[in-house]
Amino acid sequence: MKYHSHKRILVTGGAGFLGSHLCDRLVGQGHEVLCLDNFFTGSKSNIAHLLGKPNFELIRHDMVLPVFLEVDEIYNLACPASPVHYRYNPVKTIKTNVMGAINMLGLAKRVKAKILQASTSEIYGNPLKHPQTEDYWGNVNPIGARSCYDEGKRCAETLFFDYHRENRVNIRVVRIFNTYGPRMHPNDGRVVSNFIVQALNDQDITVYGDGSQSRSFCYVDDLIEGLVRMMNGPDDFTGPVNMGNPDEFTIIELARKIIEITDSHSKIIFNPLPKDDPMQRRPDISLAMEKLKWEPVVKLEQGLKKTVEYFAEILN
C-alpha cells in the first residue's frame, strides 16, 4: 500500500470469531491493525498467525476501562455474543455494551476517527414483523434473561446516534444476523457449532422446540466483506443496516443438513424451547444492497462444509 492510504485501525474483540477474521482482512490490506481483547471469549489461537507481522499489534485490555490510542478507524466488535457466554455474567455484558460503547465513542470523538458498531439482530427481539427491516422497532423483553445482551446492544445504538447528533462523530451501525464459520467457539451454545460438534462426535443432536423455528445463516467471509464496505461507504450513510443472509432455514433442516455433511450417526432429539427464544429471524437486506452493493454469495452447504472441516481439525 502507498503510505497515504495506510490506516491505523482498532478492532475491539479482535481475537474473537468475527474480530479475528476482520483482523486477517485488514492486515492483508496493509493497514496497521491494533487488536484489543480481554480474552473472555476470544482466543490467542485465532490471531496467533498474525503475531509476527509488523503491521499487527495485540493489546490485552478490557474496554469497560478507557484506552488511549491514536487511530483512524474503530471497529467495535467486543462483546460475548452467545447466550452461554453473555448470561454467565449479565452485568458485565451490559457494562461491555454500554461503558465499552461510551469509551470507544469518546476515543473516536477525541481523535476524529470513524467508528463502526457491531450491533445485532437481537435488537428486534421476538419479531412481530417478518422479515425484519431497519425501521422496525422490535419486540424485546427488557427484563428477561437475554436482555443483558438485547438491551445492551439497543443502548449502544442509542449512544452511537447521540454522539453523532451531539458531537458529529462519524458513525456506522450494522445489525448482524446469525453468522457462522471457522473459529466459532466450540462451546458457545449457538446452533451451528452445537450441531456440528454433536454430529462429529456421533452424539444426539439437541433441537429446542419442535425445530420449526427459522433462522438465516451468513458465512463469516460474506459478513466481513459487508463490515469493510460499510466502514468505507459514504459518510452520510450511518445505518443502522441489516447484514445477514436472507435465505431462511428451519432448525430441523439445519440439523439434517449437518448430519448429511458429517456422515454422522447422530439422532435428533427434542428439548423444551428456552424462554424469549425468537421463532423466526430473517433480515431484509435491501438497504445494504442499495447503499453498499453488498449481498452474501456463500451458500449454506458450501459454508457448512468449511466450518465442519475446521471443527473436525480442532476436535481431533
Protein backbone atom coordinates (compact mmCIF):
# COMPACT_ATOMS: atom_id res chain seq x y z
CA MET A 1 0.00 0.00 0.00
CA LYS A 2 1.06 3.57 -0.56
CA TYR A 3 1.74 5.37 2.69
CA HIS A 4 -1.10 7.87 2.23
CA SER A 5 -3.69 5.06 2.01
CA HIS A 6 -2.31 3.20 5.05
CA LYS A 7 -4.62 3.49 8.08
CA ARG A 8 -4.26 2.64 11.76
CA ILE A 9 -7.33 0.60 12.68
CA LEU A 10 -8.51 -0.56 16.11
CA VAL A 11 -10.58 -3.77 16.28
CA THR A 12 -12.14 -4.37 19.71
CA GLY A 13 -12.84 -8.04 20.30
CA GLY A 14 -10.19 -8.68 17.66
CA ALA A 15 -9.28 -12.15 18.97
CA GLY A 16 -12.88 -13.36 18.76
CA PHE A 17 -14.67 -15.18 15.97
CA LEU A 18 -15.63 -12.18 13.81
CA GLY A 19 -12.83 -9.93 15.05
CA SER A 20 -10.03 -12.32 14.06
CA HIS A 21 -11.40 -12.68 10.53
CA LEU A 22 -11.65 -8.89 10.28
CA CYS A 23 -8.04 -8.53 11.52
CA ASP A 24 -6.94 -11.00 8.81
CA ARG A 25 -8.65 -8.92 6.16
CA LEU A 26 -7.27 -5.56 7.34
CA VAL A 27 -3.71 -6.84 7.93
CA GLY A 28 -3.79 -8.38 4.46
CA GLN A 29 -4.76 -4.98 3.02
CA GLY A 30 -1.62 -3.47 4.58
CA HIS A 31 -3.24 -1.41 7.34
CA GLU A 32 -1.72 -1.13 10.80
CA VAL A 33 -4.11 -3.15 12.95
CA LEU A 34 -4.47 -2.85 16.73
CA CYS A 35 -6.34 -5.86 18.12
CA LEU A 36 -7.84 -5.22 21.56
CA ASP A 37 -9.28 -8.13 23.58
CA ASN A 38 -9.70 -9.23 27.20
CA PHE A 39 -9.85 -12.92 26.17
CA PHE A 40 -13.13 -13.73 27.92
CA THR A 41 -14.42 -15.43 24.75
CA GLY A 42 -11.60 -14.53 22.35
CA SER A 43 -8.65 -16.84 21.85
CA LYS A 44 -4.98 -16.23 21.10
CA SER A 45 -5.08 -19.18 18.71
CA ASN A 46 -7.43 -17.15 16.47
CA ILE A 47 -4.78 -14.49 15.88
CA ALA A 48 -1.53 -16.43 16.57
CA HIS A 49 -0.65 -16.44 12.86
CA LEU A 50 -0.73 -12.60 12.87
CA LEU A 51 1.54 -12.02 15.89
CA GLY A 52 4.78 -11.92 13.91
CA LYS A 53 3.51 -9.46 11.32
CA PRO A 54 4.94 -5.91 11.54
CA ASN A 55 1.53 -4.26 10.96
CA PHE A 56 -0.32 -6.19 13.71
CA GLU A 57 -0.32 -5.41 17.43
CA LEU A 58 -2.17 -7.23 20.21
CA ILE A 59 -3.40 -5.27 23.25
CA ARG A 60 -4.81 -7.17 26.23
CA HIS A 61 -7.38 -4.79 27.65
CA ASP A 62 -10.97 -4.71 28.89
CA MET A 63 -12.77 -1.89 27.12
CA VAL A 64 -15.01 -1.28 30.13
CA LEU A 65 -11.93 0.77 31.10
CA PRO A 66 -10.83 3.70 28.90
CA VAL A 67 -7.98 3.21 26.46
CA PHE A 68 -5.90 5.99 24.89
CA LEU A 69 -4.72 5.33 21.35
CA GLU A 70 -4.25 7.23 18.11
CA VAL A 71 -6.30 5.59 15.36
CA ASP A 72 -8.11 6.43 12.13
CA GLU A 73 -10.91 3.86 12.37
CA ILE A 74 -12.52 1.75 15.10
CA TYR A 75 -14.49 -1.46 14.60
CA ASN A 76 -16.32 -2.03 17.90
CA LEU A 77 -16.94 -5.80 17.96
CA ALA A 78 -16.18 -6.64 21.60
CA CYS A 79 -18.98 -8.42 23.44
CA PRO A 80 -19.81 -12.05 24.22
CA ALA A 81 -22.34 -12.96 21.54
CA SER A 82 -23.79 -16.32 22.59
CA PRO A 83 -26.33 -16.85 25.40
CA VAL A 84 -23.98 -19.28 27.19
CA HIS A 85 -21.35 -16.55 27.48
CA TYR A 86 -23.38 -13.37 27.86
CA ARG A 87 -25.62 -14.90 30.56
CA TYR A 88 -22.59 -16.14 32.52
CA ASN A 89 -22.14 -12.57 33.82
CA PRO A 90 -25.07 -10.44 32.62
CA VAL A 91 -23.97 -7.31 34.49
CA LYS A 92 -20.55 -7.47 32.80
CA THR A 93 -22.30 -7.95 29.43
CA ILE A 94 -24.29 -4.73 29.97
CA LYS A 95 -21.09 -2.93 31.03
CA THR A 96 -19.24 -4.13 27.91
CA ASN A 97 -22.05 -2.93 25.67
CA VAL A 98 -22.74 0.40 27.35
CA MET A 99 -19.49 1.52 29.01
CA GLY A 100 -17.49 -0.03 26.16
CA ALA A 101 -19.50 2.00 23.63
CA ILE A 102 -19.02 5.19 25.68
CA ASN A 103 -15.25 4.62 25.90
CA MET A 104 -14.89 3.86 22.19
CA LEU A 105 -17.11 6.78 21.17
CA GLY A 106 -15.09 9.06 23.45
CA LEU A 107 -11.92 7.86 21.75
CA ALA A 108 -13.44 8.38 18.29
CA LYS A 109 -14.53 11.90 19.28
CA ARG A 110 -11.06 12.79 20.61
CA VAL A 111 -9.05 11.55 17.62
CA LYS A 112 -11.76 12.20 14.97
CA ALA A 113 -11.89 8.52 13.95
CA LYS A 114 -14.64 6.76 12.04
CA ILE A 115 -16.31 4.17 14.27
CA LEU A 116 -18.44 1.15 13.37
CA GLN A 117 -20.70 -0.56 15.90
CA ALA A 118 -21.36 -4.29 15.55
CA SER A 119 -24.99 -4.34 16.64
CA THR A 120 -27.22 -7.38 16.34
CA SER A 121 -30.47 -8.80 15.02
CA GLU A 122 -31.28 -9.44 18.71
CA ILE A 123 -32.36 -5.80 18.97
CA TYR A 124 -35.54 -6.92 17.13
CA GLY A 125 -36.31 -9.42 19.93
CA ASN A 126 -39.02 -11.95 19.03
CA PRO A 127 -40.14 -10.05 15.93
CA LEU A 128 -43.79 -9.45 15.04
CA LYS A 129 -42.67 -8.30 11.58
CA HIS A 130 -41.05 -10.73 9.14
CA PRO A 131 -38.57 -10.32 7.52
CA GLN A 132 -37.10 -7.53 9.65
CA THR A 133 -36.38 -4.14 8.12
CA GLU A 134 -34.26 -1.44 9.78
CA ASP A 135 -37.29 0.74 10.55
CA TYR A 136 -38.85 -1.97 12.75
CA TRP A 137 -38.52 -1.09 16.44
CA GLY A 138 -38.62 -4.65 17.72
CA ASN A 139 -40.47 -6.72 20.31
CA VAL A 140 -37.99 -7.11 23.16
CA ASN A 141 -38.42 -8.21 26.77
CA PRO A 142 -36.41 -5.58 28.72
CA ILE A 143 -36.22 -7.68 31.93
CA GLY A 144 -35.73 -11.19 30.53
CA ALA A 145 -32.72 -13.48 30.84
CA ARG A 146 -31.44 -12.39 27.41
CA SER A 147 -31.96 -8.66 27.94
CA CYS A 148 -28.39 -8.01 29.14
CA TYR A 149 -27.38 -8.56 25.51
CA ASP A 150 -30.50 -7.36 23.66
CA GLU A 151 -30.94 -4.17 25.67
CA GLY A 152 -27.18 -3.62 25.97
CA LYS A 153 -26.90 -3.52 22.17
CA ARG A 154 -30.00 -1.32 21.87
CA CYS A 155 -28.50 1.15 24.37
CA ALA A 156 -25.19 1.11 22.44
CA GLU A 157 -27.07 2.09 19.27
CA THR A 158 -28.68 4.97 21.20
CA LEU A 159 -25.26 6.15 22.36
CA PHE A 160 -23.84 5.99 18.83
CA PHE A 161 -26.61 8.17 17.43
CA ASP A 162 -26.42 10.61 20.36
CA TYR A 163 -22.66 11.04 19.85
CA HIS A 164 -23.31 11.50 16.13
CA ARG A 165 -26.01 14.15 16.65
CA GLU A 166 -24.34 15.99 19.53
CA ASN A 167 -20.64 15.65 18.72
CA ARG A 168 -20.66 14.89 14.97
CA VAL A 169 -18.83 11.61 15.49
CA ASN A 170 -18.58 9.72 12.18
CA ILE A 171 -20.56 6.53 12.97
CA ARG A 172 -21.75 3.39 11.19
CA VAL A 173 -24.13 0.85 12.79
CA VAL A 174 -24.52 -2.70 11.45
CA ARG A 175 -27.13 -5.14 12.72
CA ILE A 176 -25.54 -8.56 12.33
CA PHE A 177 -27.71 -11.65 11.86
CA ASN A 178 -26.60 -15.23 12.60
CA THR A 179 -23.05 -15.67 11.32
CA TYR A 180 -21.06 -18.92 11.26
CA GLY A 181 -17.72 -20.24 10.04
CA PRO A 182 -14.25 -21.32 11.17
CA ARG A 183 -13.09 -20.04 14.60
CA MET A 184 -16.53 -20.20 16.17
CA HIS A 185 -16.15 -21.19 19.82
CA PRO A 186 -17.00 -24.92 20.10
CA ASN A 187 -18.81 -24.37 23.41
CA ASP A 188 -20.65 -21.16 22.64
CA GLY A 189 -24.08 -22.80 22.64
CA ARG A 190 -25.04 -21.47 19.22
CA VAL A 191 -26.95 -23.73 16.92
CA VAL A 192 -24.38 -24.24 14.13
CA SER A 193 -21.45 -25.02 16.45
CA ASN A 194 -23.66 -27.15 18.74
CA PHE A 195 -24.95 -29.30 15.89
CA ILE A 196 -21.54 -29.72 14.22
CA VAL A 197 -19.77 -30.73 17.45
CA GLN A 198 -22.57 -33.18 18.32
CA ALA A 199 -22.61 -34.64 14.79
CA LEU A 200 -18.83 -35.08 14.64
CA ASN A 201 -18.95 -36.92 17.99
CA ASP A 202 -21.98 -39.03 16.92
CA GLN A 203 -23.91 -37.59 19.88
CA ASP A 204 -27.64 -36.86 19.86
CA ILE A 205 -28.38 -33.53 18.18
CA THR A 206 -30.46 -31.41 20.55
CA VAL A 207 -33.18 -29.36 18.88
CA TYR A 208 -35.07 -26.94 21.11
CA GLY A 209 -38.82 -26.80 20.50
CA ASP A 210 -40.15 -28.77 17.52
CA GLY A 211 -37.47 -27.47 15.14
CA SER A 212 -39.92 -25.41 13.08
CA GLN A 213 -38.40 -22.11 14.22
CA SER A 214 -36.40 -20.50 11.42
CA ARG A 215 -33.06 -18.71 11.15
CA SER A 216 -30.87 -17.31 8.40
CA PHE A 217 -27.16 -18.16 8.40
CA CYS A 218 -24.47 -15.89 6.94
CA TYR A 219 -20.95 -17.22 6.27
CA VAL A 220 -18.25 -15.20 8.02
CA ASP A 221 -16.40 -14.12 4.84
CA ASP A 222 -19.58 -12.51 3.49
CA LEU A 223 -20.17 -10.66 6.76
CA ILE A 224 -16.59 -9.31 6.92
CA GLU A 225 -16.92 -8.02 3.35
CA GLY A 226 -20.07 -6.18 4.47
CA LEU A 227 -18.40 -4.60 7.51
CA VAL A 228 -15.47 -3.32 5.43
CA ARG A 229 -17.82 -1.92 2.77
CA MET A 230 -19.85 -0.16 5.48
CA MET A 231 -16.74 1.42 7.02
CA ASN A 232 -15.57 2.60 3.60
CA GLY A 233 -19.02 3.68 2.45
CA PRO A 234 -20.38 7.24 2.25
CA ASP A 235 -20.14 9.31 5.46
CA ASP A 236 -23.83 10.24 5.27
CA PHE A 237 -24.85 6.56 5.50
CA THR A 238 -24.77 5.89 9.24
CA GLY A 239 -27.14 2.92 9.17
CA PRO A 240 -28.42 1.05 11.02
CA VAL A 241 -28.15 -1.53 8.25
CA ASN A 242 -29.01 -5.24 8.39
CA MET A 243 -26.30 -7.70 7.41
CA GLY A 244 -27.09 -11.37 7.14
CA ASN A 245 -28.14 -13.99 4.65
CA PRO A 246 -31.82 -13.71 3.67
CA ASP A 247 -32.05 -17.45 2.86
CA GLU A 248 -34.22 -18.92 5.64
CA PHE A 249 -33.98 -22.45 7.05
CA THR A 250 -35.78 -24.22 9.87
CA ILE A 251 -33.66 -25.60 12.70
CA ILE A 252 -34.66 -29.15 11.79
CA GLU A 253 -33.49 -28.56 8.19
CA LEU A 254 -30.14 -27.34 9.53
CA ALA A 255 -29.76 -30.40 11.77
CA ARG A 256 -30.45 -32.79 8.87
CA LYS A 257 -28.05 -30.94 6.57
CA ILE A 258 -25.22 -31.14 9.14
CA ILE A 259 -25.86 -34.88 9.72
CA GLU A 260 -25.62 -35.38 5.95
CA ILE A 261 -22.39 -33.32 5.55
CA THR A 262 -20.65 -35.02 8.50
CA ASP A 263 -21.95 -38.50 7.58
CA SER A 264 -22.90 -38.77 11.25
CA HIS A 265 -24.90 -41.47 13.06
CA SER A 266 -26.43 -38.85 15.39
CA LYS A 267 -30.12 -38.95 16.21
CA ILE A 268 -32.21 -35.79 16.58
CA ILE A 269 -33.82 -35.30 19.99
CA PHE A 270 -36.16 -32.51 21.11
CA ASN A 271 -35.91 -30.35 24.26
CA PRO A 272 -38.20 -27.55 25.55
CA LEU A 273 -37.80 -24.16 23.85
CA PRO A 274 -35.86 -21.63 26.00
CA LYS A 275 -37.69 -18.54 27.26
CA ASP A 276 -37.64 -15.50 24.90
CA ASP A 277 -36.14 -17.54 22.03
CA PRO A 278 -37.37 -15.95 18.77
CA MET A 279 -39.48 -18.14 16.48
CA GLN A 280 -38.22 -16.58 13.29
CA ARG A 281 -35.38 -14.32 12.26
CA ARG A 282 -34.53 -13.24 8.72
CA PRO A 283 -33.03 -9.96 7.50
CA ASP A 284 -34.36 -7.72 4.80
CA ILE A 285 -31.04 -6.63 3.21
CA SER A 286 -32.49 -4.26 0.58
CA LEU A 287 -30.74 -1.29 2.20
CA ALA A 288 -27.29 -2.95 2.19
CA MET A 289 -27.81 -4.00 -1.43
CA GLU A 290 -28.82 -0.47 -2.44
CA LYS A 291 -26.26 1.56 -0.48
CA LEU A 292 -23.26 -0.80 -0.34
CA LYS A 293 -23.89 -3.13 -3.31
CA TRP A 294 -23.49 -5.95 -0.76
CA GLU A 295 -25.16 -9.32 -0.55
CA PRO A 296 -23.94 -12.75 0.61
CA VAL A 297 -22.51 -15.10 -2.02
CA VAL A 298 -21.65 -18.23 0.03
CA LYS A 299 -24.45 -20.82 0.06
CA LEU A 300 -25.26 -22.64 3.33
CA GLU A 301 -23.96 -26.05 2.23
CA GLN A 302 -20.67 -24.57 0.98
CA GLY A 303 -20.12 -22.61 4.23
CA LEU A 304 -21.11 -25.54 6.44
CA LYS A 305 -18.54 -27.80 4.74
CA LYS A 306 -15.74 -25.30 5.53
CA THR A 307 -16.99 -24.97 9.11
CA VAL A 308 -17.17 -28.75 9.58
CA GLU A 309 -13.56 -29.05 8.31
CA TYR A 310 -12.45 -26.51 10.94
CA PHE A 311 -14.24 -28.26 13.81
CA ALA A 312 -13.03 -31.70 12.70
CA GLU A 313 -9.46 -30.36 12.91
CA ILE A 314 -9.72 -28.71 16.34
CA LEU A 315 -11.66 -31.60 17.92
CA ASN A 316 -9.04 -34.22 16.95
